[in-house]
Amino acid sequence: MTEQKVRWGVLATGGIAAAFTADLVTASHSGSAAGPDAKVVAVASRSEETKR
């Protein structure tokens, strides 16, 4: 079986979302269940200012 990349989208922009994203990147590099090539590819927010 071919190893597939796991792509994540985050539906928030606050502190918890930032911590989750940082942990996901760290876990990805350590080979955890997040997937060896996990990466965040999308972030969404209701506010135009905070989604950047």
PDB file of N, CA and C in Angstrom:
ATOM      1  N   MET A   1       0.837  -1.175   0.000  1.00  0.00           N
ATOM      2  CA  MET A   1       0.000   0.000   0.000  1.00  0.00           C
ATOM      3  C   MET A   1       0.888   1.246   0.000  1.00  0.00           C
ATOM      4  N   THR A   2       0.471   2.245  -0.742  1.00  0.00           N
ATOM      5  CA  THR A   2       1.207   3.503  -0.827  1.00  0.00           C
ATOM      6  C   THR A   2       0.851   4.398   0.352  1.00  0.00           C
ATOM      7  N   GLU A   3       1.860   5.008   0.933  1.00  0.00           N
ATOM      8  CA  GLU A   3       1.624   5.948   2.038  1.00  0.00           C
ATOM      9  C   GLU A   3       1.044   7.239   1.482  1.00  0.00           C
ATOM     10  N   GLN A   4      -0.049   7.712   2.081  1.00  0.00           N
ATOM     11  CA  GLN A   4      -0.705   8.914   1.603  1.00  0.00           C
ATOM     12  C   GLN A   4      -0.471  10.077   2.558  1.00  0.00           C
ATOM     13  N   LYS A   5      -0.430  11.263   2.013  1.00  0.00           N
ATOM     14  CA  LYS A   5      -0.321  12.463   2.832  1.00  0.00           C
ATOM     15  C   LYS A   5      -1.668  12.770   3.459  1.00  0.00           C
ATOM     16  N   VAL A   6      -1.648  13.263   4.675  1.00  0.00           N
ATOM     17  CA  VAL A   6      -2.860  13.683   5.366  1.00  0.00           C
ATOM     18  C   VAL A   6      -2.891  15.201   5.326  1.00  0.00           C
ATOM     19  N   ARG A   7      -3.942  15.761   4.736  1.00  0.00           N
ATOM     20  CA  ARG A   7      -4.086  17.213   4.654  1.00  0.00           C
ATOM     21  C   ARG A   7      -5.187  17.644   5.612  1.00  0.00           C
ATOM     22  N   TRP A   8      -4.918  18.662   6.394  1.00  0.00           N
ATOM     23  CA  TRP A   8      -5.841  19.139   7.416  1.00  0.00           C
ATOM     24  C   TRP A   8      -6.355  20.523   7.071  1.00  0.00           C
ATOM     25  N   GLY A   9      -7.587  20.794   7.452  1.00  0.00           N
ATOM     26  CA  GLY A   9      -8.163  22.129   7.399  1.00  0.00           C
ATOM     27  C   GLY A   9      -8.580  22.513   8.808  1.00  0.00           C
ATOM     28  N   VAL A  10      -8.322  23.726   9.217  1.00  0.00           N
ATOM     29  CA  VAL A  10      -8.635  24.186  10.568  1.00  0.00           C
ATOM     30  C   VAL A  10      -9.748  25.227  10.468  1.00  0.00           C
ATOM     31  N   LEU A  11     -10.844  24.999  11.194  1.00  0.00           N
ATOM     32  CA  LEU A  11     -11.987  25.905  11.141  1.00  0.00           C
ATOM     33  C   LEU A  11     -12.002  26.825  12.355  1.00  0.00           C
ATOM     34  N   ALA A  12     -10.910  27.485  12.580  1.00  0.00           N
ATOM     35  CA  ALA A  12     -10.770  28.439  13.677  1.00  0.00           C
ATOM     36  C   ALA A  12      -9.441  29.162  13.504  1.00  0.00           C
ATOM     37  N   THR A  13      -9.291  30.296  14.191  1.00  0.00           N
ATOM     38  CA  THR A  13      -8.029  31.042  14.082  1.00  0.00           C
ATOM     39  C   THR A  13      -7.490  31.482  15.428  1.00  0.00           C
ATOM     40  N   GLY A  14      -8.106  31.038  16.510  1.00  0.00           N
ATOM     41  CA  GLY A  14      -7.688  31.475  17.842  1.00  0.00           C
ATOM     42  C   GLY A  14      -6.510  30.695  18.388  1.00  0.00           C
ATOM     43  N   GLY A  15      -6.279  30.870  19.676  1.00  0.00           N
ATOM     44  CA  GLY A  15      -5.140  30.262  20.347  1.00  0.00           C
ATOM     45  C   GLY A  15      -5.149  28.744  20.306  1.00  0.00           C
ATOM     46  N   ILE A  16      -6.312  28.130  20.495  1.00  0.00           N
ATOM     47  CA  ILE A  16      -6.383  26.673  20.460  1.00  0.00           C
ATOM     48  C   ILE A  16      -6.061  26.161  19.060  1.00  0.00           C
ATOM     49  N   ALA A  17      -6.567  26.833  18.036  1.00  0.00           N
ATOM     50  CA  ALA A  17      -6.272  26.431  16.650  1.00  0.00           C
ATOM     51  C   ALA A  17      -4.776  26.562  16.364  1.00  0.00           C
ATOM     52  N   ALA A  18      -4.155  27.613  16.849  1.00  0.00           N
ATOM     53  CA  ALA A  18      -2.718  27.803  16.644  1.00  0.00           C
ATOM     54  C   ALA A  18      -1.924  26.709  17.351  1.00  0.00           C
ATOM     55  N   ALA A  19      -2.321  26.373  18.573  1.00  0.00           N
ATOM     56  CA  ALA A  19      -1.639  25.317  19.321  1.00  0.00           C
ATOM     57  C   ALA A  19      -1.822  23.964  18.632  1.00  0.00           C
ATOM     58  N   PHE A  20      -3.048  23.691  18.160  1.00  0.00           N
ATOM     59  CA  PHE A  20      -3.311  22.442  17.452  1.00  0.00           C
ATOM     60  C   PHE A  20      -2.445  22.336  16.201  1.00  0.00           C
ATOM     61  N   THR A  21      -2.369  23.413  15.435  1.00  0.00           N
ATOM     62  CA  THR A  21      -1.581  23.412  14.208  1.00  0.00           C
ATOM     63  C   THR A  21      -0.103  23.173  14.505  1.00  0.00           C
ATOM     64  N   ALA A  22       0.420  23.833  15.519  1.00  0.00           N
ATOM     65  CA  ALA A  22       1.821  23.634  15.905  1.00  0.00           C
ATOM     66  C   ALA A  22       2.065  22.199  16.339  1.00  0.00           C
ATOM     67  N   ASP A  23       1.148  21.639  17.125  1.00  0.00           N
ATOM     68  CA  ASP A  23       1.286  20.252  17.568  1.00  0.00           C
ATOM     69  C   ASP A  23       1.191  19.285  16.397  1.00  0.00           C
ATOM     70  N   LEU A  24       0.325  19.577  15.442  1.00  0.00           N
ATOM     71  CA  LEU A  24       0.182  18.725  14.270  1.00  0.00           C
ATOM     72  C   LEU A  24       1.481  18.681  13.475  1.00  0.00           C
ATOM     73  N   VAL A  25       2.100  19.817  13.290  1.00  0.00           N
ATOM     74  CA  VAL A  25       3.360  19.871  12.552  1.00  0.00           C
ATOM     75  C   VAL A  25       4.445  19.100  13.305  1.00  0.00           C
ATOM     76  N   THR A  26       4.508  19.278  14.616  1.00  0.00           N
ATOM     77  CA  THR A  26       5.490  18.560  15.426  1.00  0.00           C
ATOM     78  C   THR A  26       5.243  17.062  15.361  1.00  0.00           C
ATOM     79  N   ALA A  27       3.986  16.649  15.496  1.00  0.00           N
ATOM     80  CA  ALA A  27       3.638  15.227  15.448  1.00  0.00           C
ATOM     81  C   ALA A  27       3.954  14.630  14.080  1.00  0.00           C
ATOM     82  N   SER A  28       3.733  15.401  13.040  1.00  0.00           N
ATOM     83  CA  SER A  28       4.003  14.937  11.686  1.00  0.00           C
ATOM     84  C   SER A  28       5.483  14.598  11.524  1.00  0.00           C
ATOM     85  N   HIS A  29       6.342  15.426  12.080  1.00  0.00           N
ATOM     86  CA  HIS A  29       7.781  15.207  11.959  1.00  0.00           C
ATOM     87  C   HIS A  29       8.268  14.051  12.819  1.00  0.00           C
ATOM     88  N   SER A  30       7.501  13.703  13.853  1.00  0.00           N
ATOM     89  CA  SER A  30       7.912  12.597  14.725  1.00  0.00           C
ATOM     90  C   SER A  30       7.302  11.269  14.305  1.00  0.00           C
ATOM     91  N   GLY A  31       6.480  11.261  13.234  1.00  0.00           N
ATOM     92  CA  GLY A  31       5.919  10.027  12.709  1.00  0.00           C
ATOM     93  C   GLY A  31       4.741   9.499  13.498  1.00  0.00           C
ATOM     94  N   SER A  32       3.951  10.362  14.101  1.00  0.00           N
ATOM     95  CA  SER A  32       2.807   9.918  14.892  1.00  0.00           C
ATOM     96  C   SER A  32       1.614   9.590  14.009  1.00  0.00           C
ATOM     97  N   ALA A  33       0.474   9.335  14.639  1.00  0.00           N
ATOM     98  CA  ALA A  33      -0.755   8.972  13.930  1.00  0.00           C
ATOM     99  C   ALA A  33      -1.263  10.080  13.011  1.00  0.00           C
ATOM    100  N   ALA A  34      -0.794  11.307  13.184  1.00  0.00           N
ATOM    101  CA  ALA A  34      -1.210  12.405  12.310  1.00  0.00           C
ATOM    102  C   ALA A  34      -0.768  12.162  10.878  1.00  0.00           C
ATOM    103  N   GLY A  35       0.209  11.312  10.716  1.00  0.00           N
ATOM    104  CA  GLY A  35       0.728  11.009   9.389  1.00  0.00           C
ATOM    105  C   GLY A  35       2.099  11.616   9.209  1.00  0.00           C
ATOM    106  N   PRO A  36       2.971  10.900   8.545  1.00  0.00           N
ATOM    107  CA  PRO A  36       4.345  11.393   8.392  1.00  0.00           C
ATOM    108  C   PRO A  36       4.455  12.646   7.540  1.00  0.00           C
ATOM    109  N   ASP A  37       3.480  12.872   6.703  1.00  0.00           N
ATOM    110  CA  ASP A  37       3.509  14.049   5.835  1.00  0.00           C
ATOM    111  C   ASP A  37       2.296  14.938   6.052  1.00  0.00           C
ATOM    112  N   ALA A  38       1.752  14.938   7.267  1.00  0.00           N
ATOM    113  CA  ALA A  38       0.572  15.759   7.550  1.00  0.00           C
ATOM    114  C   ALA A  38       0.925  17.232   7.382  1.00  0.00           C
ATOM    115  N   LYS A  39      -0.002  17.986   6.811  1.00  0.00           N
ATOM    116  CA  LYS A  39       0.218  19.424   6.694  1.00  0.00           C
ATOM    117  C   LYS A  39      -1.114  20.145   6.701  1.00  0.00           C
ATOM    118  N   VAL A  40      -1.092  21.361   7.212  1.00  0.00           N
ATOM    119  CA  VAL A  40      -2.296  22.193   7.229  1.00  0.00           C
ATOM    120  C   VAL A  40      -2.375  22.896   5.883  1.00  0.00           C
ATOM    121  N   VAL A  41      -3.510  22.731   5.204  1.00  0.00           N
ATOM    122  CA  VAL A  41      -3.663  23.306   3.865  1.00  0.00           C
ATOM    123  C   VAL A  41      -4.752  24.363   3.783  1.00  0.00           C
ATOM    124  N   ALA A  42      -5.557  24.507   4.869  1.00  0.00           N
ATOM    125  CA  ALA A  42      -6.631  25.499   4.835  1.00  0.00           C
ATOM    126  C   ALA A  42      -6.964  25.965   6.247  1.00  0.00           C
ATOM    127  N   VAL A  43      -7.325  27.235   6.339  1.00  0.00           N
ATOM    128  CA  VAL A  43      -7.785  27.826   7.600  1.00  0.00           C
ATOM    129  C   VAL A  43      -9.004  28.669   7.257  1.00  0.00           C
ATOM    130  N   ALA A  44     -10.035  28.593   8.096  1.00  0.00           N
ATOM    131  CA  ALA A  44     -11.257  29.356   7.827  1.00  0.00           C
ATOM    132  C   ALA A  44     -11.642  30.170   9.050  1.00  0.00           C
ATOM    133  N   SER A  45     -12.272  31.306   8.791  1.00  0.00           N
ATOM    134  CA  SER A  45     -12.735  32.189   9.850  1.00  0.00           C
ATOM    135  C   SER A  45     -13.935  32.968   9.350  1.00  0.00           C
ATOM    136  N   ARG A  46     -14.806  33.345  10.258  1.00  0.00           N
ATOM    137  CA  ARG A  46     -15.934  34.199   9.870  1.00  0.00           C
ATOM    138  C   ARG A  46     -15.491  35.631   9.656  1.00  0.00           C
ATOM    139  N   SER A  47     -14.370  36.004  10.239  1.00  0.00           N
ATOM    140  CA  SER A  47     -13.882  37.373  10.166  1.00  0.00           C
ATOM    141  C   SER A  47     -12.736  37.490   9.154  1.00  0.00           C
ATOM    142  N   GLU A  48     -12.826  38.434   8.263  1.00  0.00           N
ATOM    143  CA  GLU A  48     -11.780  38.669   7.263  1.00  0.00           C
ATOM    144  C   GLU A  48     -10.433  39.004   7.924  1.00  0.00           C
ATOM    145  N   GLU A  49     -10.461  39.739   9.028  1.00  0.00           N
ATOM    146  CA  GLU A  49      -9.222  40.166   9.696  1.00  0.00           C
ATOM    147  C   GLU A  49      -8.467  39.003  10.328  1.00  0.00           C
ATOM    148  N   THR A  50      -9.179  38.053  10.930  1.00  0.00           N
ATOM    149  CA  THR A  50      -8.481  37.007  11.679  1.00  0.00           C
ATOM    150  C   THR A  50      -8.069  35.800  10.856  1.00  0.00           C
ATOM    151  N   LYS A  51      -8.538  35.685   9.642  1.00  0.00           N
ATOM    152  CA  LYS A  51      -8.171  34.505   8.864  1.00  0.00           C
ATOM    153  C   LYS A  51      -6.808  34.618   8.181  1.00  0.00           C
ATOM    154  N   ARG A  52      -6.163  35.736   8.334  1.00  0.00           N
ATOM    155  CA  ARG A  52      -4.858  35.913   7.707  1.00  0.00           C
ATOM    156  C   ARG A  52      -3.813  35.494   8.612  1.00  0.00           C
TER     157      ARG A  52
END
